[in-house]
C-alpha cells in the first residue's frame, strides 16, 4: 500500500490528477441544487425554442441578409420579456440568480435551434463576465440594476464586451500577444477619469447594447501592462456606432463597430486600472493575465457549448431527413452507412458536451462563479428573499471594503495552477466544441446531399453559423497554443511556449 505522501507524489506526475479530473473534484463541492436549476433552465430553453426560435430563425437570417442594417429589436424585446437578460445575474445584484454553472446548458439548447439567436442572449453575459472579472462591486451593482430595470420597463438593457480592434484582432484578446499587435484604443488619464479615443470592431450585439465594457490602453506600445477596463454607456458624448459587418453567418446577431472620439469616462465608471491593480499581490502583467483567464475561461467554455449546439442541431436535422427520405426503396436511416454516420455525429455531440461540461466544472472550482458555488453561500442566496438581499447588498456594494474583499478572494487567493487550469480548459472546450460542430455540419451534408444546401433545410445556415465559432473568442489556432502552454507543457523546461518571447 502507498502512504499519503506517496499517493500525493504519484498524482502530481503528468498528467496531474487535478488537471484531468476537475469534474470528479467538483462533484462533492458543487451544491446539489444546481442539478435542479439545470433541469429547469433546459426546460425553459426548450420551450423558448418551440415557441420563438424555431419559428423565426430562417426568416430572421434571410431578413438580416437582405438588409444588413436591420436590428432584431423584436426578438431582443421578446427575450427580455422571458427574463433572459437577468436570468443569470446573481441575486445580490437583484437578478434571478440562476447559477452560472447552468448557462452552458442553456446556450447549448438555444443554439441547437439557432446559433445567432442564441448568441443574442449569451453574448450579454460575455459582457457581464468581463464586468465581473474586475470584481468592482459598485460598478457591477450599478449596471446590474439598470439591466433589471430594463426588464421591468420593457426597454432591454444589454451589455457588450469591447476588446477586438481593427489592426490587432486576436492579438488584443490574449495577454501573451497583446504587445505584438497594433493597438489603437487609447485611454488618457485626466483629473477625474479617462479620455478614450479609438475604435473596436466585431463587437457582438454592439448596436443593441446599452453598456460596453471596454478594454483600452494607457500605453499603446505596452498594452499588457497598461490596460484599463471602462464601462461606456450608449449615448455618452464622444461615443458612436460605426458600421455593421456583413458577415457569412450568425446574421441574427449584429457585429458592430464602436467609435470613441474624445469620449470621457468618469472615474466612477472605471472598473479597474493600474492604480487599483497595483494594490494586488501580482504584477500588473500577471493581474491582467488573471483577468483574461477569468473572462476567457468562462466565455470560451460558452463558445464550446454553442459549438455543441451546432453539432446537435446538424445531427437532429440529418436524423430527421434520414427518417423521412428513401434511398433505393428504403428509408435512409435503415442503410448501414447512414446509421454509422449518424452514430458518429451523436458521438461528436457527446464528446463536445463532455468537454465543455468539464470546463464548466473548472469554472465552478476556480473561475467567475466559484464563490457562488460555495454551498453555504449558494443556499443562503437561494432561500433569502430578494427584498432582504437588496437591503444588505445595495448598501454593501457601495463600500470600498466590498471591492477590496472580493478582489482579495478572487485575485490574491487564486493560485497560479488555478489560473492555468481555467485558461487551458476554456481554450480546450472552445476547440473541441466548435470543431465538432463544423464536422457534424459536413456529415449532415453527406447524408442530405443537394437537399442540404437549401436554406429552408437549415444545414447550410448551421454550417455558416458554426464556422464563425472557430474564429471568434480567439481563433482555434491560438487556442491550441494556449492548451499547449497551460495543459501540455507542464514542467518541461525544453518546451518553448509562444508567449515566452513577449513576456
Protein backbone atom coordinates (compact mmCIF):
# COMPACT_ATOMS: atom_id res chain seq x y z
CA UNK A 1 0.00 0.00 0.00
CA UNK A 2 1.10 3.56 -0.67
CA UNK A 3 1.49 6.16 2.02
CA UNK A 4 -0.31 9.51 1.76
CA UNK A 5 2.87 11.24 0.66
CA UNK A 6 3.48 8.57 -2.00
CA UNK A 7 -0.08 8.92 -3.30
CA UNK A 8 0.30 12.68 -3.46
CA UNK A 9 3.60 12.37 -5.33
CA UNK A 10 2.09 9.95 -7.86
CA UNK A 11 -0.88 12.23 -8.51
CA UNK A 12 1.46 15.16 -9.14
CA UNK A 13 3.03 13.32 -12.08
CA UNK A 14 1.87 14.34 -15.56
CA UNK A 15 -0.97 14.31 -16.34
CA UNK A 16 -1.78 15.75 -12.94
CA UNK A 17 -4.91 14.43 -11.24
CA UNK A 18 -6.14 17.97 -10.55
CA UNK A 19 -5.80 18.87 -14.24
CA UNK A 20 -7.70 15.94 -15.74
CA UNK A 21 -10.39 15.12 -13.16
CA UNK A 22 -11.86 18.54 -12.42
CA UNK A 23 -15.43 17.22 -12.57
CA UNK A 24 -14.61 14.49 -10.06
CA UNK A 25 -13.19 17.06 -7.66
CA UNK A 26 -16.11 19.43 -8.21
CA UNK A 27 -18.86 16.85 -7.65
CA UNK A 28 -18.59 16.88 -3.88
CA UNK A 29 -18.19 20.65 -3.68
CA UNK A 30 -20.98 21.68 -6.04
CA UNK A 31 -24.38 22.24 -4.41
CA UNK A 32 -26.96 19.63 -5.46
CA UNK A 33 -29.42 22.43 -6.06
CA UNK A 34 -27.56 23.23 -9.28
CA UNK A 35 -28.85 19.98 -10.79
CA UNK A 36 -32.46 21.11 -10.31
CA UNK A 37 -31.59 24.51 -11.72
CA UNK A 38 -30.00 22.90 -14.77
CA UNK A 39 -33.16 20.88 -15.45
CA UNK A 40 -35.32 23.98 -15.14
CA UNK A 41 -33.05 26.08 -17.36
CA UNK A 42 -33.02 23.39 -20.06
CA UNK A 43 -36.81 23.07 -19.92
CA UNK A 44 -37.26 26.85 -20.25
CA UNK A 45 -34.83 26.95 -23.19
CA UNK A 46 -36.65 24.12 -24.97
CA UNK A 47 -39.98 25.88 -24.55
CA UNK A 48 -38.48 29.11 -25.89
CA UNK A 49 -37.09 27.20 -28.88
CA UNK A 50 -40.51 25.76 -29.66
CA UNK A 51 -42.43 29.00 -29.25
CA UNK A 52 -39.94 31.52 -30.62
CA UNK A 53 -36.58 30.45 -32.06
CA UNK A 54 -37.54 27.67 -34.49
CA UNK A 55 -40.41 29.76 -35.82
CA UNK A 56 -38.24 32.79 -36.51
CA UNK A 57 -34.68 31.62 -37.23
CA UNK A 58 -34.92 31.08 -41.00
CA UNK A 59 -36.88 34.28 -41.63
CA UNK A 60 -34.59 36.32 -39.39
CA UNK A 61 -31.49 35.00 -41.17
CA UNK A 62 -32.98 35.97 -44.56
CA UNK A 63 -34.07 39.37 -43.33
CA UNK A 64 -30.61 40.14 -41.99
CA UNK A 65 -29.08 39.00 -45.29
CA UNK A 66 -31.38 41.23 -47.34
CA UNK A 67 -30.99 44.21 -45.01
CA UNK A 68 -27.67 44.07 -43.12
CA UNK A 69 -28.61 47.26 -41.26
CA UNK A 70 -31.70 45.67 -39.71
CA UNK A 71 -31.60 45.26 -35.92
CA UNK A 72 -33.65 42.41 -34.39
CA UNK A 73 -35.25 44.51 -31.67
CA UNK A 74 -38.47 42.46 -31.68
CA UNK A 75 -36.57 39.31 -30.79
CA UNK A 76 -34.50 41.09 -28.13
CA UNK A 77 -37.66 42.50 -26.57
CA UNK A 78 -39.23 39.04 -26.59
CA UNK A 79 -36.18 37.58 -24.86
CA UNK A 80 -36.36 40.44 -22.36
CA UNK A 81 -39.98 39.51 -21.59
CA UNK A 82 -38.86 35.96 -20.89
CA UNK A 83 -36.40 37.38 -18.37
CA UNK A 84 -33.28 36.03 -20.08
CA UNK A 85 -31.12 39.13 -19.58
CA UNK A 86 -31.47 38.97 -15.79
CA UNK A 87 -31.70 35.19 -15.52
CA UNK A 88 -28.05 34.61 -14.56
CA UNK A 89 -27.41 37.87 -12.71
CA UNK A 90 -26.73 36.98 -9.04
CA UNK A 91 -29.45 37.75 -6.53
CA UNK A 92 -27.07 40.03 -4.60
CA UNK A 93 -27.37 42.38 -7.58
CA UNK A 94 -31.14 41.94 -7.91
CA UNK A 95 -31.18 39.28 -10.64
CA UNK A 96 -32.97 35.94 -10.78
CA UNK A 97 -29.82 34.26 -9.57
CA UNK A 98 -29.72 31.11 -11.68
CA UNK A 99 -26.30 29.55 -11.28
CA UNK A 100 -23.73 30.43 -13.93
CA UNK A 101 -22.96 26.71 -13.88
CA UNK A 102 -26.18 26.18 -15.86
CA UNK A 103 -25.54 28.87 -18.50
CA UNK A 104 -23.64 26.49 -20.80
CA UNK A 105 -26.57 24.06 -20.87
CA UNK A 106 -28.92 26.94 -21.69
CA UNK A 107 -26.64 28.06 -24.53
CA UNK A 108 -26.46 24.55 -26.00
CA UNK A 109 -30.24 24.27 -26.07
CA UNK A 110 -30.88 27.60 -27.79
CA UNK A 111 -28.01 27.18 -30.25
CA UNK A 112 -29.29 23.76 -31.29
CA UNK A 113 -32.12 25.73 -32.92
CA UNK A 114 -30.16 28.86 -33.99
CA UNK A 115 -26.64 29.91 -33.01
CA UNK A 116 -27.18 33.55 -33.99
CA UNK A 117 -30.28 33.90 -31.86
CA UNK A 118 -28.53 32.08 -29.02
CA UNK A 119 -25.61 34.49 -29.28
CA UNK A 120 -28.02 37.42 -28.88
CA UNK A 121 -28.79 36.01 -25.44
CA UNK A 122 -25.46 34.73 -24.17
CA UNK A 123 -23.17 37.46 -25.52
CA UNK A 124 -24.87 39.74 -22.99
CA UNK A 125 -23.31 37.54 -20.32
CA UNK A 126 -19.94 37.76 -22.06
CA UNK A 127 -20.05 41.49 -21.37
CA UNK A 128 -21.25 40.72 -17.86
CA UNK A 129 -18.37 38.27 -17.35
CA UNK A 130 -15.89 40.99 -18.27
CA UNK A 131 -17.59 43.37 -15.85
CA UNK A 132 -17.47 40.84 -13.01
CA UNK A 133 -13.84 39.95 -13.74
CA UNK A 134 -12.79 43.35 -12.38
CA UNK A 135 -14.52 42.50 -9.08
CA UNK A 136 -15.61 46.12 -8.80
CA UNK A 137 -18.75 45.65 -6.73
CA UNK A 138 -20.02 49.21 -7.04
CA UNK A 139 -19.92 49.39 -10.84
CA UNK A 140 -21.26 45.83 -11.17
CA UNK A 141 -24.19 46.64 -8.89
CA UNK A 142 -24.97 49.87 -10.73
CA UNK A 143 -25.09 48.24 -14.16
CA UNK A 144 -26.89 45.15 -12.90
CA UNK A 145 -29.68 47.31 -11.50
CA UNK A 146 -30.07 49.04 -14.86
CA UNK A 147 -30.42 45.66 -16.59
CA UNK A 148 -33.14 44.68 -14.12
CA UNK A 149 -34.94 47.99 -14.58
CA UNK A 150 -34.78 47.44 -18.34
CA UNK A 151 -36.64 44.17 -17.90
CA UNK A 152 -39.32 45.82 -15.82
CA UNK A 153 -39.96 48.76 -18.15
CA UNK A 154 -39.70 46.76 -21.37
CA UNK A 155 -36.57 48.57 -22.58
CA UNK A 156 -33.85 45.89 -22.79
CA UNK A 157 -30.50 46.85 -21.27
CA UNK A 158 -27.79 44.67 -22.79
CA UNK A 159 -24.03 44.55 -22.30
CA UNK A 160 -21.29 44.09 -24.86
CA UNK A 161 -17.64 43.18 -24.48
CA UNK A 162 -15.36 45.51 -26.44
CA UNK A 163 -11.82 44.19 -26.94
CA UNK A 164 -11.15 43.43 -30.64
CA UNK A 165 -9.50 46.22 -32.64
CA UNK A 166 -9.16 46.79 -36.42
CA UNK A 167 -5.40 46.18 -36.64
CA UNK A 168 -4.88 43.93 -33.63
CA UNK A 169 -7.53 41.20 -33.93
CA UNK A 170 -6.72 38.14 -31.85
CA UNK A 171 -3.59 39.85 -30.51
CA UNK A 172 -5.74 42.19 -28.41
CA UNK A 173 -7.62 39.22 -26.94
CA UNK A 174 -4.59 37.44 -25.49
CA UNK A 175 -2.20 38.92 -22.98
CA UNK A 176 0.72 36.94 -24.49
CA UNK A 177 0.27 38.53 -27.93
CA UNK A 178 -1.01 41.96 -26.93
CA UNK A 179 2.29 43.80 -27.26
CA UNK A 180 2.89 42.40 -30.76
CA UNK A 181 -0.41 43.75 -32.06
CA UNK A 182 -1.08 47.21 -33.43
CA UNK A 183 -3.20 48.53 -30.56
CA UNK A 184 -5.01 51.82 -31.15
CA UNK A 185 -7.71 52.31 -28.49
CA UNK A 186 -6.03 54.83 -26.20
CA UNK A 187 -7.16 55.93 -22.75
CA UNK A 188 -5.59 59.15 -21.48
CA UNK A 189 -5.83 59.79 -17.75
CA UNK A 190 -7.38 63.08 -16.70
CA UNK A 191 -8.02 64.52 -13.26
CA UNK A 192 -11.40 62.80 -12.89
CA UNK A 193 -11.48 59.99 -15.44
CA UNK A 194 -10.17 58.88 -18.82
CA UNK A 195 -10.40 60.34 -22.31
CA UNK A 196 -10.96 57.50 -24.74
CA UNK A 197 -10.01 57.52 -28.45
CA UNK A 198 -10.03 54.69 -30.99
CA UNK A 199 -12.40 52.01 -32.15
CA UNK A 200 -13.45 48.42 -31.58
CA UNK A 201 -14.76 46.02 -34.23
CA UNK A 202 -16.71 42.76 -34.44
CA UNK A 203 -18.49 43.61 -31.19
CA UNK A 204 -21.37 41.17 -30.93
CA UNK A 205 -24.72 42.87 -30.27
CA UNK A 206 -22.94 46.23 -30.06
CA UNK A 207 -25.72 48.23 -31.73
CA UNK A 208 -28.24 46.61 -29.37
CA UNK A 209 -26.32 47.17 -26.15
CA UNK A 210 -26.67 49.93 -23.57
CA UNK A 211 -23.33 49.36 -21.86
CA UNK A 212 -19.98 48.47 -23.43
CA UNK A 213 -17.34 47.04 -21.11
CA UNK A 214 -14.26 48.29 -22.92
CA UNK A 215 -10.57 47.41 -22.74
CA UNK A 216 -8.31 50.34 -23.60
CA UNK A 217 -4.64 51.10 -23.09
CA UNK A 218 -2.78 53.99 -21.49
CA UNK A 219 0.37 52.95 -23.39
CA UNK A 220 -0.30 51.50 -26.86
CA UNK A 221 3.21 50.07 -27.11
CA UNK A 222 2.90 48.03 -23.91
CA UNK A 223 -0.78 47.22 -23.56
CA UNK A 224 -0.17 44.11 -21.45
CA UNK A 225 0.93 46.30 -18.54
CA UNK A 226 -1.19 49.37 -19.23
CA UNK A 227 -4.74 48.10 -19.57
CA UNK A 228 -7.78 49.93 -18.24
CA UNK A 229 -11.30 48.49 -18.15
CA UNK A 230 -14.04 51.08 -18.65
CA UNK A 231 -17.84 50.99 -18.66
CA UNK A 232 -19.06 53.15 -21.56
CA UNK A 233 -22.77 53.87 -21.96
CA UNK A 234 -24.52 54.30 -25.27
CA UNK A 235 -25.32 57.99 -25.69
CA UNK A 236 -22.13 59.16 -23.98
CA UNK A 237 -20.55 62.21 -25.58
CA UNK A 238 -17.83 61.15 -27.99
CA UNK A 239 -19.22 57.63 -28.41
CA UNK A 240 -20.91 56.46 -31.62
CA UNK A 241 -21.71 53.34 -33.60
CA UNK A 242 -19.85 52.69 -36.83
CA UNK A 243 -20.63 50.08 -39.43
CA UNK A 244 -22.28 46.70 -39.04
CA UNK A 245 -20.32 43.82 -40.52
CA UNK A 246 -21.80 41.96 -43.49
CA UNK A 247 -20.77 38.54 -42.22
CA UNK A 248 -21.32 35.00 -43.51
CA UNK A 249 -23.15 33.58 -40.50
CA UNK A 250 -24.92 34.32 -37.23
CA UNK A 251 -26.63 37.13 -39.09
CA UNK A 252 -29.27 37.49 -36.36
CA UNK A 253 -26.62 38.88 -34.01
CA UNK A 254 -25.03 42.08 -35.37
CA UNK A 255 -21.27 42.53 -35.26
CA UNK A 256 -20.68 46.23 -34.62
CA UNK A 257 -18.00 48.86 -34.82
CA UNK A 258 -17.74 51.12 -31.77
CA UNK A 259 -16.10 54.52 -32.22
CA UNK A 260 -14.62 56.65 -29.43
CA UNK A 261 -13.66 60.25 -30.16
CA UNK A 262 -12.59 62.15 -27.04
CA UNK A 263 -15.13 60.06 -25.15
CA UNK A 264 -14.87 60.95 -21.47
CA UNK A 265 -15.33 58.13 -18.96
CA UNK A 266 -15.54 59.34 -15.34
CA UNK A 267 -13.67 57.65 -12.52
CA UNK A 268 -16.86 56.13 -11.15
CA UNK A 269 -17.18 54.05 -14.35
CA UNK A 270 -13.60 52.77 -14.27
CA UNK A 271 -13.84 49.06 -13.47
CA UNK A 272 -10.11 48.61 -12.88
CA UNK A 273 -6.87 50.30 -13.91
CA UNK A 274 -3.20 50.17 -12.93
CA UNK A 275 -3.70 52.34 -9.86
CA UNK A 276 -6.12 49.78 -8.46
CA UNK A 277 -4.27 46.75 -9.81
CA UNK A 278 -1.05 47.80 -8.05
CA UNK A 279 -2.77 47.10 -4.72
CA UNK A 280 -3.00 43.40 -5.60
CA UNK A 281 -0.36 40.76 -4.90
CA UNK A 282 0.66 40.01 -8.51
CA UNK A 283 2.47 42.15 -11.05
CA UNK A 284 0.39 44.30 -13.39
CA UNK A 285 1.10 41.91 -16.29
CA UNK A 286 0.07 38.85 -14.28
CA UNK A 287 -3.03 40.56 -12.90
CA UNK A 288 -4.12 41.41 -16.45
CA UNK A 289 -3.45 37.78 -17.45
CA UNK A 290 -5.55 36.71 -14.49
CA UNK A 291 -8.44 38.93 -15.60
CA UNK A 292 -8.28 37.44 -19.09
CA UNK A 293 -8.30 33.91 -17.66
CA UNK A 294 -11.50 34.76 -15.77
CA UNK A 295 -13.10 36.17 -18.93
CA UNK A 296 -11.96 33.55 -21.44
CA UNK A 297 -12.22 30.62 -19.05
CA UNK A 298 -15.95 31.26 -18.89
CA UNK A 299 -16.63 32.68 -22.34
CA UNK A 300 -14.65 30.07 -24.30
CA UNK A 301 -16.47 27.39 -22.35
CA UNK A 302 -19.65 29.14 -23.53
CA UNK A 303 -18.50 29.11 -27.15
CA UNK A 304 -17.82 25.39 -26.72
CA UNK A 305 -21.44 24.97 -25.65
CA UNK A 306 -22.59 26.93 -28.72
CA UNK A 307 -20.47 24.61 -30.86
CA UNK A 308 -22.08 21.65 -29.15
CA UNK A 309 -25.47 23.13 -30.02
CA UNK A 310 -24.35 23.41 -33.65
CA UNK A 311 -23.23 19.77 -33.64
CA UNK A 312 -26.52 18.75 -32.11
CA UNK A 313 -28.62 20.87 -34.47
CA UNK A 314 -26.86 19.36 -37.50
CA UNK A 315 -27.33 15.86 -36.09
CA UNK A 316 -31.03 16.41 -35.43
CA UNK A 317 -31.65 17.77 -38.94
CA UNK A 318 -29.75 14.86 -40.51
CA UNK A 319 -31.64 12.34 -38.36
CA UNK A 320 -34.97 13.87 -39.35
CA UNK A 321 -34.03 13.84 -43.03
CA UNK A 322 -32.83 10.22 -42.91
CA UNK A 323 -36.05 9.19 -41.14
CA UNK A 324 -38.27 10.77 -43.80
CA UNK A 325 -36.46 10.11 -47.08
CA UNK A 326 -35.79 6.91 -49.01
CA UNK A 327 -32.78 5.71 -50.97
CA UNK A 328 -33.04 2.65 -53.24
CA UNK A 329 -36.52 1.96 -51.98
CA UNK A 330 -35.90 2.04 -48.22
CA UNK A 331 -35.57 4.74 -45.60
CA UNK A 332 -32.08 6.17 -45.43
CA UNK A 333 -31.96 5.53 -41.71
CA UNK A 334 -32.04 1.79 -42.46
CA UNK A 335 -28.87 1.91 -44.57
CA UNK A 336 -25.85 0.81 -42.55
CA UNK A 337 -23.61 3.61 -43.87
CA UNK A 338 -26.19 6.19 -42.74
CA UNK A 339 -26.52 4.57 -39.33
CA UNK A 340 -22.74 4.66 -38.90
CA UNK A 341 -22.64 8.34 -39.92
CA UNK A 342 -25.45 9.24 -37.50
CA UNK A 343 -23.68 7.32 -34.73
CA UNK A 344 -20.51 9.31 -35.42
CA UNK A 345 -22.49 12.56 -35.31
CA UNK A 346 -24.06 11.58 -31.99
CA UNK A 347 -20.58 10.77 -30.66
CA UNK A 348 -19.34 14.21 -31.72
CA UNK A 349 -22.15 15.86 -29.74
CA UNK A 350 -21.37 13.75 -26.68
CA UNK A 351 -17.63 14.48 -26.82
CA UNK A 352 -18.24 18.22 -27.27
CA UNK A 353 -20.71 18.29 -24.37
CA UNK A 354 -18.38 16.34 -22.08
CA UNK A 355 -15.54 18.78 -22.82
CA UNK A 356 -17.47 21.98 -22.17
CA UNK A 357 -19.04 20.37 -19.09
CA UNK A 358 -15.54 19.67 -17.74
CA UNK A 359 -14.57 23.28 -18.43
CA UNK A 360 -17.77 24.31 -16.67
CA UNK A 361 -16.66 22.40 -13.58
CA UNK A 362 -13.28 24.13 -13.74
CA UNK A 363 -15.05 27.49 -13.70
CA UNK A 364 -17.06 26.33 -10.70
CA UNK A 365 -13.86 25.42 -8.89
CA UNK A 366 -11.62 28.32 -9.95
CA UNK A 367 -13.47 30.77 -12.19
CA UNK A 368 -16.04 33.54 -12.18
CA UNK A 369 -18.74 31.59 -10.36
CA UNK A 370 -16.61 29.80 -7.77
CA UNK A 371 -17.83 31.99 -4.89
CA UNK A 372 -21.48 31.48 -5.80
CA UNK A 373 -20.90 27.71 -5.82
CA UNK A 374 -19.75 27.59 -2.21
CA UNK A 375 -22.54 25.58 -0.58
CA UNK A 376 -23.35 27.84 2.41
CA UNK A 377 -23.38 30.97 0.24
CA UNK A 378 -25.32 29.23 -2.55
CA UNK A 379 -28.14 28.15 -0.25
CA UNK A 380 -28.12 31.42 1.68
CA UNK A 381 -28.72 33.34 -1.55
CA UNK A 382 -31.16 30.77 -2.89
CA UNK A 383 -33.53 30.92 0.09
CA UNK A 384 -33.11 34.51 1.27
CA UNK A 385 -35.87 36.79 -0.13
CA UNK A 386 -34.68 39.27 -2.73
CA UNK A 387 -36.05 42.18 -0.69
CA UNK A 388 -33.80 41.22 2.22
CA UNK A 389 -30.75 40.80 -0.01
CA UNK A 390 -31.43 44.21 -1.55
CA UNK A 391 -31.34 45.90 1.83
CA UNK A 392 -27.98 44.32 2.65
CA UNK A 393 -26.10 44.25 -0.64
CA UNK A 394 -27.22 47.56 -2.13
CA UNK A 395 -25.57 49.19 0.87
CA UNK A 396 -22.62 46.78 0.98
CA UNK A 397 -21.73 47.07 -2.73
CA UNK A 398 -21.18 50.83 -2.40
CA UNK A 399 -18.49 50.37 0.24
CA UNK A 400 -14.83 50.24 -0.78
CA UNK A 401 -14.48 47.29 1.56
CA UNK A 402 -16.76 45.20 -0.69
CA UNK A 403 -14.49 45.58 -3.72
CA UNK A 404 -11.39 45.06 -1.57
CA UNK A 405 -12.83 41.84 -0.12
CA UNK A 406 -13.88 40.35 -3.46
CA UNK A 407 -10.55 41.25 -5.05
CA UNK A 408 -8.72 39.68 -2.14
CA UNK A 409 -10.72 36.47 -2.51
CA UNK A 410 -10.68 36.28 -6.30
CA UNK A 411 -7.32 37.78 -7.23
CA UNK A 412 -4.89 37.36 -4.35
CA UNK A 413 -6.13 33.96 -3.16
CA UNK A 414 -6.38 32.38 -6.62
CA UNK A 415 -3.34 30.17 -7.24
CA UNK A 416 -1.23 30.09 -10.41
CA UNK A 417 -2.31 26.48 -11.02
CA UNK A 418 -5.96 27.52 -10.84
CA UNK A 419 -5.37 30.31 -13.38
CA UNK A 420 -3.52 27.91 -15.68
CA UNK A 421 -6.23 25.26 -15.45
CA UNK A 422 -9.02 27.78 -16.02
CA UNK A 423 -7.35 29.27 -19.08
CA UNK A 424 -6.42 25.89 -20.55
CA UNK A 425 -9.79 24.21 -20.17
CA UNK A 426 -11.65 27.22 -21.56
CA UNK A 427 -9.49 27.04 -24.70
CA UNK A 428 -9.91 23.26 -24.93
CA UNK A 429 -13.70 23.48 -24.68
CA UNK A 430 -13.79 26.02 -27.49
CA UNK A 431 -11.58 23.94 -29.78
CA UNK A 432 -13.47 20.68 -29.30
CA UNK A 433 -16.97 22.14 -29.32
CA UNK A 434 -16.50 24.29 -32.41
CA UNK A 435 -14.57 21.67 -34.39
CA UNK A 436 -17.18 19.02 -33.64
CA UNK A 437 -19.93 21.46 -34.62
CA UNK A 438 -18.38 22.04 -38.04
CA UNK A 439 -17.64 18.34 -38.52
CA UNK A 440 -21.28 17.44 -37.92
CA UNK A 441 -22.38 20.00 -40.49
CA UNK A 442 -20.11 18.30 -43.04
CA UNK A 443 -21.50 14.88 -42.18
CA UNK A 444 -25.07 16.16 -42.36
CA UNK A 445 -24.41 17.41 -45.89
CA UNK A 446 -23.10 13.96 -46.82
CA UNK A 447 -26.40 12.45 -45.73
CA UNK A 448 -28.65 15.13 -47.22
CA UNK A 449 -26.79 15.78 -50.46
CA UNK A 450 -28.22 18.57 -52.61
CA UNK A 451 -31.13 18.99 -50.19
CA UNK A 452 -28.66 20.18 -47.56
CA UNK A 453 -27.74 23.31 -49.46
CA UNK A 454 -31.33 24.56 -49.47
CA UNK A 455 -31.78 27.36 -46.98
CA UNK A 456 -35.09 26.07 -45.62
CA UNK A 457 -33.46 22.77 -44.63
CA UNK A 458 -31.29 24.66 -42.13
CA UNK A 459 -28.00 22.79 -42.59
CA UNK A 460 -26.30 25.38 -44.80
CA UNK A 461 -27.28 28.04 -42.24
CA UNK A 462 -25.93 25.98 -39.34
CA UNK A 463 -22.73 25.45 -41.34
CA UNK A 464 -22.27 29.21 -41.84
CA UNK A 465 -23.11 29.95 -38.23
CA UNK A 466 -20.79 27.26 -36.89
CA UNK A 467 -17.77 28.40 -38.90
CA UNK A 468 -17.72 31.73 -37.08
CA UNK A 469 -17.35 29.90 -33.78
CA UNK A 470 -13.90 28.67 -34.80
CA UNK A 471 -12.77 32.25 -35.39
CA UNK A 472 -14.04 34.48 -32.60
CA UNK A 473 -13.02 34.37 -28.91
CA UNK A 474 -9.51 33.76 -30.20
CA UNK A 475 -9.02 31.62 -33.29
CA UNK A 476 -8.79 27.89 -32.73
CA UNK A 477 -5.15 28.01 -33.82
CA UNK A 478 -4.33 30.41 -30.98
CA UNK A 479 -6.43 28.40 -28.56
CA UNK A 480 -4.40 25.29 -29.40
CA UNK A 481 -1.30 27.20 -28.40
CA UNK A 482 -2.98 28.15 -25.13
CA UNK A 483 -3.86 24.50 -24.47
CA UNK A 484 -0.22 23.58 -25.07
CA UNK A 485 1.04 26.30 -22.78
CA UNK A 486 -1.39 25.70 -19.93
CA UNK A 487 -2.09 21.96 -20.03
CA UNK A 488 0.65 20.26 -22.06
CA UNK A 489 3.99 21.99 -21.49
CA UNK A 490 3.93 21.43 -17.74
CA UNK A 491 7.38 21.45 -16.18
CA UNK A 492 9.19 20.72 -19.45
CA UNK A 493 11.98 23.26 -19.44
CA UNK A 494 12.83 22.46 -23.06
CA UNK A 495 9.38 23.44 -24.33
CA UNK A 496 9.35 26.89 -25.94
CA UNK A 497 5.90 28.40 -25.43
CA UNK A 498 4.73 31.04 -27.90
CA UNK A 499 4.30 33.70 -25.21
CA UNK A 500 7.84 33.45 -23.82
CA UNK A 501 9.20 35.95 -26.33
CA UNK A 502 6.62 38.60 -25.42
CA UNK A 503 6.73 38.43 -21.62
